[in-house]
Amino acid sequence: MSRSNGRPEPEVIMNFADGFSYSKGKMDEAFRAGGILEKSPTKTPKDPAVTALKREDVDLIVHEFEIPRAHAEKALVENGGDVEKTLVALVIP
């Protein structure tokens, strides 16, 4: 703790809406010790299979099975982008 006018400076504690209290000193130490602020964010490489999917194939599966687009894309990726295999895989559990 630093001192000003001979008295120790009070520690700042914040109460947040989630019901927890956070100590400024402890939060600063955690950030410094972990090097969170010094690290640059890492980018995750895009899966080439996802970018190779045809929009028509995804639209066909979405409209025929009435499933979300993400689920249709996942099913296509799991079956190597082959529409026929994907349709069979979705019909047969």
PDB file of N, CA and C in Angstrom:
ATOM      1  N   MET A   1       0.829  -1.181   0.000  1.00  0.00           N
ATOM      2  CA  MET A   1       0.000   0.000   0.000  1.00  0.00           C
ATOM      3  C   MET A   1       0.873   1.243   0.000  1.00  0.00           C
ATOM      4  N   SER A   2       0.439   2.203  -0.741  1.00  0.00           N
ATOM      5  CA  SER A   2       1.170   3.454  -0.742  1.00  0.00           C
ATOM      6  C   SER A   2       0.597   4.357   0.341  1.00  0.00           C
ATOM      7  N   ARG A   3       1.403   5.289   0.748  1.00  0.00           N
ATOM      8  CA  ARG A   3       0.972   6.186   1.822  1.00  0.00           C
ATOM      9  C   ARG A   3       0.890   7.599   1.296  1.00  0.00           C
ATOM     10  N   SER A   4      -0.123   8.283   1.785  1.00  0.00           N
ATOM     11  CA  SER A   4      -0.241   9.705   1.477  1.00  0.00           C
ATOM     12  C   SER A   4      -0.573  10.421   2.786  1.00  0.00           C
ATOM     13  N   ASN A   5       0.197  11.427   3.115  1.00  0.00           N
ATOM     14  CA  ASN A   5       0.041  12.179   4.364  1.00  0.00           C
ATOM     15  C   ASN A   5       0.167  11.276   5.589  1.00  0.00           C
ATOM     16  N   GLY A   6       0.997  10.253   5.500  1.00  0.00           N
ATOM     17  CA  GLY A   6       1.229   9.394   6.646  1.00  0.00           C
ATOM     18  C   GLY A   6       0.180   8.318   6.857  1.00  0.00           C
ATOM     19  N   ARG A   7      -0.887   8.322   6.112  1.00  0.00           N
ATOM     20  CA  ARG A   7      -1.934   7.309   6.261  1.00  0.00           C
ATOM     21  C   ARG A   7      -1.899   6.339   5.081  1.00  0.00           C
ATOM     22  N   PRO A   8      -2.199   5.083   5.331  1.00  0.00           N
ATOM     23  CA  PRO A   8      -2.280   4.157   4.198  1.00  0.00           C
ATOM     24  C   PRO A   8      -3.502   4.485   3.342  1.00  0.00           C
ATOM     25  N   GLU A   9      -3.323   4.332   2.044  1.00  0.00           N
ATOM     26  CA  GLU A   9      -4.418   4.593   1.117  1.00  0.00           C
ATOM     27  C   GLU A   9      -5.440   3.471   1.205  1.00  0.00           C
ATOM     28  N   PRO A  10      -6.713   3.790   1.248  1.00  0.00           N
ATOM     29  CA  PRO A  10      -7.708   2.723   1.345  1.00  0.00           C
ATOM     30  C   PRO A  10      -7.755   1.907   0.057  1.00  0.00           C
ATOM     31  N   GLU A  11      -8.010   0.618   0.212  1.00  0.00           N
ATOM     32  CA  GLU A  11      -8.101  -0.257  -0.947  1.00  0.00           C
ATOM     33  C   GLU A  11      -9.476  -0.083  -1.591  1.00  0.00           C
ATOM     34  N   VAL A  12      -9.483  -0.003  -2.904  1.00  0.00           N
ATOM     35  CA  VAL A  12     -10.726   0.214  -3.628  1.00  0.00           C
ATOM     36  C   VAL A  12     -11.392  -1.137  -3.866  1.00  0.00           C
ATOM     37  N   ILE A  13     -12.611  -1.258  -3.412  1.00  0.00           N
ATOM     38  CA  ILE A  13     -13.381  -2.471  -3.645  1.00  0.00           C
ATOM     39  C   ILE A  13     -14.650  -2.066  -4.366  1.00  0.00           C
ATOM     40  N   MET A  14     -14.942  -2.778  -5.443  1.00  0.00           N
ATOM     41  CA  MET A  14     -16.116  -2.463  -6.248  1.00  0.00           C
ATOM     42  C   MET A  14     -17.150  -3.570  -6.057  1.00  0.00           C
ATOM     43  N   ASN A  15     -18.383  -3.198  -5.838  1.00  0.00           N
ATOM     44  CA  ASN A  15     -19.487  -4.146  -5.778  1.00  0.00           C
ATOM     45  C   ASN A  15     -20.219  -4.085  -7.111  1.00  0.00           C
ATOM     46  N   PHE A  16     -20.346  -5.224  -7.763  1.00  0.00           N
ATOM     47  CA  PHE A  16     -20.970  -5.272  -9.073  1.00  0.00           C
ATOM     48  C   PHE A  16     -22.353  -5.905  -8.992  1.00  0.00           C
ATOM     49  N   ALA A  17     -23.122  -5.794 -10.043  1.00  0.00           N
ATOM     50  CA  ALA A  17     -24.495  -6.286 -10.093  1.00  0.00           C
ATOM     51  C   ALA A  17     -24.565  -7.804  -9.943  1.00  0.00           C
ATOM     52  N   ASP A  18     -23.477  -8.508 -10.253  1.00  0.00           N
ATOM     53  CA  ASP A  18     -23.504  -9.968 -10.138  1.00  0.00           C
ATOM     54  C   ASP A  18     -23.370 -10.431  -8.687  1.00  0.00           C
ATOM     55  N   GLY A  19     -23.208  -9.490  -7.773  1.00  0.00           N
ATOM     56  CA  GLY A  19     -23.163  -9.826  -6.364  1.00  0.00           C
ATOM     57  C   GLY A  19     -21.767 -10.047  -5.814  1.00  0.00           C
ATOM     58  N   PHE A  20     -20.764  -9.974  -6.654  1.00  0.00           N
ATOM     59  CA  PHE A  20     -19.396 -10.186  -6.209  1.00  0.00           C
ATOM     60  C   PHE A  20     -18.695  -8.852  -5.980  1.00  0.00           C
ATOM     61  N   SER A  21     -17.683  -8.873  -5.124  1.00  0.00           N
ATOM     62  CA  SER A  21     -16.865  -7.699  -4.866  1.00  0.00           C
ATOM     63  C   SER A  21     -15.459  -7.980  -5.368  1.00  0.00           C
ATOM     64  N   TYR A  22     -14.844  -6.994  -5.980  1.00  0.00           N
ATOM     65  CA  TYR A  22     -13.518  -7.170  -6.529  1.00  0.00           C
ATOM     66  C   TYR A  22     -12.563  -6.156  -5.919  1.00  0.00           C
ATOM     67  N   SER A  23     -11.437  -6.619  -5.451  1.00  0.00           N
ATOM     68  CA  SER A  23     -10.421  -5.757  -4.882  1.00  0.00           C
ATOM     69  C   SER A  23      -9.501  -5.288  -6.002  1.00  0.00           C
ATOM     70  N   LYS A  24      -9.286  -3.994  -6.110  1.00  0.00           N
ATOM     71  CA  LYS A  24      -8.468  -3.437  -7.180  1.00  0.00           C
ATOM     72  C   LYS A  24      -7.049  -3.974  -7.124  1.00  0.00           C
ATOM     73  N   GLY A  25      -6.469  -4.053  -5.949  1.00  0.00           N
ATOM     74  CA  GLY A  25      -5.102  -4.541  -5.819  1.00  0.00           C
ATOM     75  C   GLY A  25      -4.954  -5.984  -6.269  1.00  0.00           C
ATOM     76  N   LYS A  26      -5.894  -6.819  -5.874  1.00  0.00           N
ATOM     77  CA  LYS A  26      -5.834  -8.225  -6.263  1.00  0.00           C
ATOM     78  C   LYS A  26      -6.067  -8.408  -7.757  1.00  0.00           C
ATOM     79  N   MET A  27      -6.954  -7.607  -8.319  1.00  0.00           N
ATOM     80  CA  MET A  27      -7.197  -7.689  -9.758  1.00  0.00           C
ATOM     81  C   MET A  27      -5.954  -7.268 -10.542  1.00  0.00           C
ATOM     82  N   ASP A  28      -5.289  -6.188 -10.081  1.00  0.00           N
ATOM     83  CA  ASP A  28      -4.065  -5.742 -10.748  1.00  0.00           C
ATOM     84  C   ASP A  28      -2.986  -6.816 -10.697  1.00  0.00           C
ATOM     85  N   GLU A  29      -2.827  -7.450  -9.535  1.00  0.00           N
ATOM     86  CA  GLU A  29      -1.839  -8.518  -9.392  1.00  0.00           C
ATOM     87  C   GLU A  29      -2.155  -9.690 -10.315  1.00  0.00           C
ATOM     88  N   ALA A  30      -3.404 -10.043 -10.413  1.00  0.00           N
ATOM     89  CA  ALA A  30      -3.796 -11.166 -11.261  1.00  0.00           C
ATOM     90  C   ALA A  30      -3.482 -10.880 -12.724  1.00  0.00           C
ATOM     91  N   PHE A  31      -3.732  -9.650 -13.163  1.00  0.00           N
ATOM     92  CA  PHE A  31      -3.438  -9.305 -14.544  1.00  0.00           C
ATOM     93  C   PHE A  31      -1.937  -9.288 -14.806  1.00  0.00           C
ATOM     94  N   ARG A  32      -1.166  -8.767 -13.869  1.00  0.00           N
ATOM     95  CA  ARG A  32       0.283  -8.710 -14.057  1.00  0.00           C
ATOM     96  C   ARG A  32       0.906 -10.090 -14.010  1.00  0.00           C
ATOM     97  N   ALA A  33       0.468 -10.918 -13.080  1.00  0.00           N
ATOM     98  CA  ALA A  33       1.056 -12.254 -12.919  1.00  0.00           C
ATOM     99  C   ALA A  33       0.759 -13.131 -14.128  1.00  0.00           C
ATOM    100  N   GLY A  34      -0.422 -13.012 -14.673  1.00  0.00           N
ATOM    101  CA  GLY A  34      -0.806 -13.851 -15.801  1.00  0.00           C
ATOM    102  C   GLY A  34      -0.326 -13.327 -17.133  1.00  0.00           C
ATOM    103  N   GLY A  35       0.095 -12.102 -17.170  1.00  0.00           N
ATOM    104  CA  GLY A  35       0.543 -11.517 -18.422  1.00  0.00           C
ATOM    105  C   GLY A  35      -0.597 -11.333 -19.406  1.00  0.00           C
ATOM    106  N   ILE A  36      -1.796 -11.187 -18.887  1.00  0.00           N
ATOM    107  CA  ILE A  36      -2.967 -11.094 -19.748  1.00  0.00           C
ATOM    108  C   ILE A  36      -2.880  -9.858 -20.632  1.00  0.00           C
ATOM    109  N   LEU A  37      -2.426  -8.761 -20.074  1.00  0.00           N
ATOM    110  CA  LEU A  37      -2.401  -7.524 -20.838  1.00  0.00           C
ATOM    111  C   LEU A  37      -1.253  -7.475 -21.845  1.00  0.00           C
ATOM    112  N   GLU A  38      -0.197  -8.245 -21.613  1.00  0.00           N
ATOM    113  CA  GLU A  38       0.950  -8.214 -22.502  1.00  0.00           C
ATOM    114  C   GLU A  38       0.768  -9.118 -23.720  1.00  0.00           C
ATOM    115  N   LYS A  39      -0.059 -10.136 -23.596  1.00  0.00           N
ATOM    116  CA  LYS A  39      -0.233 -11.085 -24.690  1.00  0.00           C
ATOM    117  C   LYS A  39      -1.147 -10.503 -25.754  1.00  0.00           C
ATOM    118  N   SER A  40      -0.798 -10.769 -27.003  1.00  0.00           N
ATOM    119  CA  SER A  40      -1.681 -10.333 -28.081  1.00  0.00           C
ATOM    120  C   SER A  40      -2.722 -11.426 -28.310  1.00  0.00           C
ATOM    121  N   PRO A  41      -3.909 -11.058 -28.695  1.00  0.00           N
ATOM    122  CA  PRO A  41      -4.946 -12.067 -28.900  1.00  0.00           C
ATOM    123  C   PRO A  41      -4.578 -12.994 -30.049  1.00  0.00           C
ATOM    124  N   THR A  42      -4.858 -14.268 -29.877  1.00  0.00           N
ATOM    125  CA  THR A  42      -4.536 -15.238 -30.911  1.00  0.00           C
ATOM    126  C   THR A  42      -5.747 -15.433 -31.798  1.00  0.00           C
ATOM    127  N   LYS A  43      -5.505 -15.560 -33.066  1.00  0.00           N
ATOM    128  CA  LYS A  43      -6.586 -15.791 -34.014  1.00  0.00           C
ATOM    129  C   LYS A  43      -6.670 -17.285 -34.285  1.00  0.00           C
ATOM    130  N   THR A  44      -7.884 -17.786 -34.307  1.00  0.00           N
ATOM    131  CA  THR A  44      -8.072 -19.186 -34.630  1.00  0.00           C
ATOM    132  C   THR A  44      -8.165 -19.313 -36.144  1.00  0.00           C
ATOM    133  N   PRO A  45      -7.406 -20.246 -36.706  1.00  0.00           N
ATOM    134  CA  PRO A  45      -7.468 -20.394 -38.156  1.00  0.00           C
ATOM    135  C   PRO A  45      -8.828 -20.933 -38.580  1.00  0.00           C
ATOM    136  N   LYS A  46      -9.314 -20.444 -39.694  1.00  0.00           N
ATOM    137  CA  LYS A  46     -10.595 -20.910 -40.185  1.00  0.00           C
ATOM    138  C   LYS A  46     -10.444 -22.315 -40.744  1.00  0.00           C
ATOM    139  N   ASP A  47     -11.458 -23.108 -40.527  1.00  0.00           N
ATOM    140  CA  ASP A  47     -11.474 -24.459 -41.037  1.00  0.00           C
ATOM    141  C   ASP A  47     -11.702 -24.401 -42.543  1.00  0.00           C
ATOM    142  N   PRO A  48     -10.791 -24.966 -43.366  1.00  0.00           N
ATOM    143  CA  PRO A  48     -10.967 -24.876 -44.809  1.00  0.00           C
ATOM    144  C   PRO A  48     -12.215 -25.602 -45.294  1.00  0.00           C
ATOM    145  N   ALA A  49     -12.662 -26.611 -44.534  1.00  0.00           N
ATOM    146  CA  ALA A  49     -13.855 -27.350 -44.948  1.00  0.00           C
ATOM    147  C   ALA A  49     -15.097 -26.475 -44.855  1.00  0.00           C
ATOM    148  N   VAL A  50     -15.136 -25.579 -43.875  1.00  0.00           N
ATOM    149  CA  VAL A  50     -16.302 -24.714 -43.707  1.00  0.00           C
ATOM    150  C   VAL A  50     -16.371 -23.698 -44.840  1.00  0.00           C
ATOM    151  N   THR A  51     -15.242 -23.172 -45.251  1.00  0.00           N
ATOM    152  CA  THR A  51     -15.248 -22.180 -46.315  1.00  0.00           C
ATOM    153  C   THR A  51     -15.494 -22.820 -47.673  1.00  0.00           C
ATOM    154  N   ALA A  52     -15.269 -24.126 -47.807  1.00  0.00           N
ATOM    155  CA  ALA A  52     -15.450 -24.806 -49.084  1.00  0.00           C
ATOM    156  C   ALA A  52     -16.893 -25.262 -49.298  1.00  0.00           C
ATOM    157  N   LEU A  53     -17.753 -25.093 -48.311  1.00  0.00           N
ATOM    158  CA  LEU A  53     -19.140 -25.525 -48.448  1.00  0.00           C
ATOM    159  C   LEU A  53     -19.871 -24.631 -49.440  1.00  0.00           C
ATOM    160  N   LYS A  54     -20.724 -25.264 -50.242  1.00  0.00           N
ATOM    161  CA  LYS A  54     -21.512 -24.507 -51.205  1.00  0.00           C
ATOM    162  C   LYS A  54     -22.766 -23.979 -50.517  1.00  0.00           C
ATOM    163  N   ARG A  55     -23.095 -22.762 -50.836  1.00  0.00           N
ATOM    164  CA  ARG A  55     -24.258 -22.142 -50.213  1.00  0.00           C
ATOM    165  C   ARG A  55     -25.551 -22.867 -50.594  1.00  0.00           C
ATOM    166  N   GLU A  56     -25.606 -23.342 -51.825  1.00  0.00           N
ATOM    167  CA  GLU A  56     -26.803 -24.056 -52.282  1.00  0.00           C
ATOM    168  C   GLU A  56     -27.011 -25.341 -51.480  1.00  0.00           C
ATOM    169  N   ASP A  57     -25.899 -26.024 -51.170  1.00  0.00           N
ATOM    170  CA  ASP A  57     -25.989 -27.268 -50.396  1.00  0.00           C
ATOM    171  C   ASP A  57     -26.521 -26.997 -48.996  1.00  0.00           C
ATOM    172  N   VAL A  58     -25.999 -25.950 -48.369  1.00  0.00           N
ATOM    173  CA  VAL A  58     -26.435 -25.604 -47.018  1.00  0.00           C
ATOM    174  C   VAL A  58     -27.902 -25.184 -47.043  1.00  0.00           C
ATOM    175  N   ASP A  59     -28.288 -24.371 -48.040  1.00  0.00           N
ATOM    176  CA  ASP A  59     -29.682 -23.937 -48.149  1.00  0.00           C
ATOM    177  C   ASP A  59     -30.623 -25.111 -48.355  1.00  0.00           C
ATOM    178  N   LEU A  60     -30.225 -26.080 -49.172  1.00  0.00           N
ATOM    179  CA  LEU A  60     -31.044 -27.261 -49.409  1.00  0.00           C
ATOM    180  C   LEU A  60     -31.319 -28.008 -48.111  1.00  0.00           C
ATOM    181  N   ILE A  61     -30.275 -28.226 -47.326  1.00  0.00           N
ATOM    182  CA  ILE A  61     -30.426 -28.967 -46.067  1.00  0.00           C
ATOM    183  C   ILE A  61     -31.268 -28.167 -45.071  1.00  0.00           C
ATOM    184  N   VAL A  62     -31.031 -26.868 -45.000  1.00  0.00           N
ATOM    185  CA  VAL A  62     -31.786 -26.018 -44.071  1.00  0.00           C
ATOM    186  C   VAL A  62     -33.273 -26.051 -44.401  1.00  0.00           C
ATOM    187  N   HIS A  63     -33.619 -25.942 -45.686  1.00  0.00           N
ATOM    188  CA  HIS A  63     -35.030 -25.886 -46.073  1.00  0.00           C
ATOM    189  C   HIS A  63     -35.708 -27.256 -46.010  1.00  0.00           C
ATOM    190  N   GLU A  64     -34.998 -28.300 -46.368  1.00  0.00           N
ATOM    191  CA  GLU A  64     -35.610 -29.630 -46.370  1.00  0.00           C
ATOM    192  C   GLU A  64     -35.827 -30.177 -44.960  1.00  0.00           C
ATOM    193  N   PHE A  65     -34.865 -29.960 -44.088  1.00  0.00           N
ATOM    194  CA  PHE A  65     -34.952 -30.519 -42.739  1.00  0.00           C
ATOM    195  C   PHE A  65     -35.429 -29.508 -41.705  1.00  0.00           C
ATOM    196  N   GLU A  66     -35.544 -28.247 -42.120  1.00  0.00           N
ATOM    197  CA  GLU A  66     -35.951 -27.176 -41.216  1.00  0.00           C
ATOM    198  C   GLU A  66     -35.095 -27.146 -39.945  1.00  0.00           C
ATOM    199  N   ILE A  67     -33.788 -27.127 -40.161  1.00  0.00           N
ATOM    200  CA  ILE A  67     -32.825 -27.074 -39.062  1.00  0.00           C
ATOM    201  C   ILE A  67     -32.034 -25.766 -39.193  1.00  0.00           C
ATOM    202  N   PRO A  68     -31.386 -25.343 -38.116  1.00  0.00           N
ATOM    203  CA  PRO A  68     -30.585 -24.106 -38.184  1.00  0.00           C
ATOM    204  C   PRO A  68     -29.412 -24.247 -39.151  1.00  0.00           C
ATOM    205  N   ARG A  69     -28.998 -23.128 -39.690  1.00  0.00           N
ATOM    206  CA  ARG A  69     -27.888 -23.113 -40.650  1.00  0.00           C
ATOM    207  C   ARG A  69     -26.609 -23.688 -40.053  1.00  0.00           C
ATOM    208  N   ALA A  70     -26.327 -23.381 -38.803  1.00  0.00           N
ATOM    209  CA  ALA A  70     -25.109 -23.889 -38.165  1.00  0.00           C
ATOM    210  C   ALA A  70     -25.123 -25.413 -38.082  1.00  0.00           C
ATOM    211  N   HIS A  71     -26.279 -25.977 -37.788  1.00  0.00           N
ATOM    212  CA  HIS A  71     -26.404 -27.435 -37.701  1.00  0.00           C
ATOM    213  C   HIS A  71     -26.200 -28.074 -39.079  1.00  0.00           C
ATOM    214  N   ALA A  72     -26.743 -27.433 -40.111  1.00  0.00           N
ATOM    215  CA  ALA A  72     -26.577 -27.941 -41.465  1.00  0.00           C
ATOM    216  C   ALA A  72     -25.115 -27.872 -41.900  1.00  0.00           C
ATOM    217  N   GLU A  73     -24.440 -26.776 -41.585  1.00  0.00           N
ATOM    218  CA  GLU A  73     -23.023 -26.650 -41.935  1.00  0.00           C
ATOM    219  C   GLU A  73     -22.188 -27.693 -41.209  1.00  0.00           C
ATOM    220  N   LYS A  74     -22.490 -27.917 -39.930  1.00  0.00           N
ATOM    221  CA  LYS A  74     -21.756 -28.912 -39.157  1.00  0.00           C
ATOM    222  C   LYS A  74     -21.943 -30.297 -39.764  1.00  0.00           C
ATOM    223  N   ALA A  75     -23.171 -30.629 -40.145  1.00  0.00           N
ATOM    224  CA  ALA A  75     -23.443 -31.929 -40.744  1.00  0.00           C
ATOM    225  C   ALA A  75     -22.695 -32.081 -42.066  1.00  0.00           C
ATOM    226  N   LEU A  76     -22.650 -31.023 -42.866  1.00  0.00           N
ATOM    227  CA  LEU A  76     -21.913 -31.080 -44.132  1.00  0.00           C
ATOM    228  C   LEU A  76     -20.417 -31.266 -43.901  1.00  0.00           C
ATOM    229  N   VAL A  77     -19.867 -30.578 -42.937  1.00  0.00           N
ATOM    230  CA  VAL A  77     -18.439 -30.701 -42.638  1.00  0.00           C
ATOM    231  C   VAL A  77     -18.114 -32.120 -42.180  1.00  0.00           C
ATOM    232  N   GLU A  78     -18.983 -32.686 -41.325  1.00  0.00           N
ATOM    233  CA  GLU A  78     -18.753 -34.047 -40.829  1.00  0.00           C
ATOM    234  C   GLU A  78     -18.778 -35.078 -41.948  1.00  0.00           C
ATOM    235  N   ASN A  79     -19.496 -34.785 -43.021  1.00  0.00           N
ATOM    236  CA  ASN A  79     -19.604 -35.718 -44.144  1.00  0.00           C
ATOM    237  C   ASN A  79     -18.774 -35.281 -45.345  1.00  0.00           C
ATOM    238  N   GLY A  80     -17.785 -34.448 -45.100  1.00  0.00           N
ATOM    239  CA  GLY A  80     -16.839 -34.061 -46.140  1.00  0.00           C
ATOM    240  C   GLY A  80     -17.416 -33.173 -47.220  1.00  0.00           C
ATOM    241  N   GLY A  81     -18.529 -32.494 -46.943  1.00  0.00           N
ATOM    242  CA  GLY A  81     -19.123 -31.600 -47.919  1.00  0.00           C
ATOM    243  C   GLY A  81     -19.992 -32.308 -48.941  1.00  0.00           C
ATOM    244  N   ASP A  82     -20.163 -33.614 -48.807  1.00  0.00           N
ATOM    245  CA  ASP A  82     -20.982 -34.395 -49.735  1.00  0.00           C
ATOM    246  C   ASP A  82     -22.448 -34.291 -49.315  1.00  0.00           C
ATOM    247  N   VAL A  83     -23.281 -33.738 -50.200  1.00  0.00           N
ATOM    248  CA  VAL A  83     -24.689 -33.508 -49.878  1.00  0.00           C
ATOM    249  C   VAL A  83     -25.423 -34.830 -49.695  1.00  0.00           C
ATOM    250  N   GLU A  84     -25.158 -35.777 -50.574  1.00  0.00           N
ATOM    251  CA  GLU A  84     -25.870 -37.062 -50.503  1.00  0.00           C
ATOM    252  C   GLU A  84     -25.597 -37.774 -49.177  1.00  0.00           C
ATOM    253  N   LYS A  85     -24.332 -37.843 -48.787  1.00  0.00           N
ATOM    254  CA  LYS A  85     -23.976 -38.484 -47.508  1.00  0.00           C
ATOM    255  C   LYS A  85     -24.608 -37.745 -46.334  1.00  0.00           C
ATOM    256  N   THR A  86     -24.633 -36.426 -46.417  1.00  0.00           N
ATOM    257  CA  THR A  86     -25.199 -35.615 -45.342  1.00  0.00           C
ATOM    258  C   THR A  86     -26.688 -35.864 -45.208  1.00  0.00           C
ATOM    259  N   LEU A  87     -27.411 -35.921 -46.346  1.00  0.00           N
ATOM    260  CA  LEU A  87     -28.848 -36.173 -46.305  1.00  0.00           C
ATOM    261  C   LEU A  87     -29.145 -37.539 -45.683  1.00  0.00           C
ATOM    262  N   VAL A  88     -28.378 -38.550 -46.081  1.00  0.00           N
ATOM    263  CA  VAL A  88     -28.571 -39.896 -45.535  1.00  0.00           C
ATOM    264  C   VAL A  88     -28.255 -39.908 -44.033  1.00  0.00           C
ATOM    265  N   ALA A  89     -27.187 -39.218 -43.650  1.00  0.00           N
ATOM    266  CA  ALA A  89     -26.795 -39.182 -42.239  1.00  0.00           C
ATOM    267  C   ALA A  89     -27.846 -38.479 -41.380  1.00  0.00           C
ATOM    268  N   LEU A  90     -28.509 -37.482 -41.916  1.00  0.00           N
ATOM    269  CA  LEU A  90     -29.532 -36.771 -41.164  1.00  0.00           C
ATOM    270  C   LEU A  90     -30.840 -37.564 -41.074  1.00  0.00           C
ATOM    271  N   VAL A  91     -31.104 -38.400 -42.077  1.00  0.00           N
ATOM    272  CA  VAL A  91     -32.321 -39.192 -42.071  1.00  0.00           C
ATOM    273  C   VAL A  91     -32.168 -40.422 -41.189  1.00  0.00           C
ATOM    274  N   ILE A  92     -31.040 -41.102 -41.307  1.00  0.00           N
ATOM    275  CA  ILE A  92     -30.778 -42.311 -40.517  1.00  0.00           C
ATOM    276  C   ILE A  92     -29.972 -41.940 -39.285  1.00  0.00           C
ATOM    277  N   PRO A  93     -30.540 -42.187 -38.088  1.00  0.00           N
ATOM    278  CA  PRO A  93     -29.813 -41.786 -36.875  1.00  0.00           C
ATOM    279  C   PRO A  93     -28.598 -42.619 -36.578  1.00  0.00           C
TER     280      PRO A  93
END
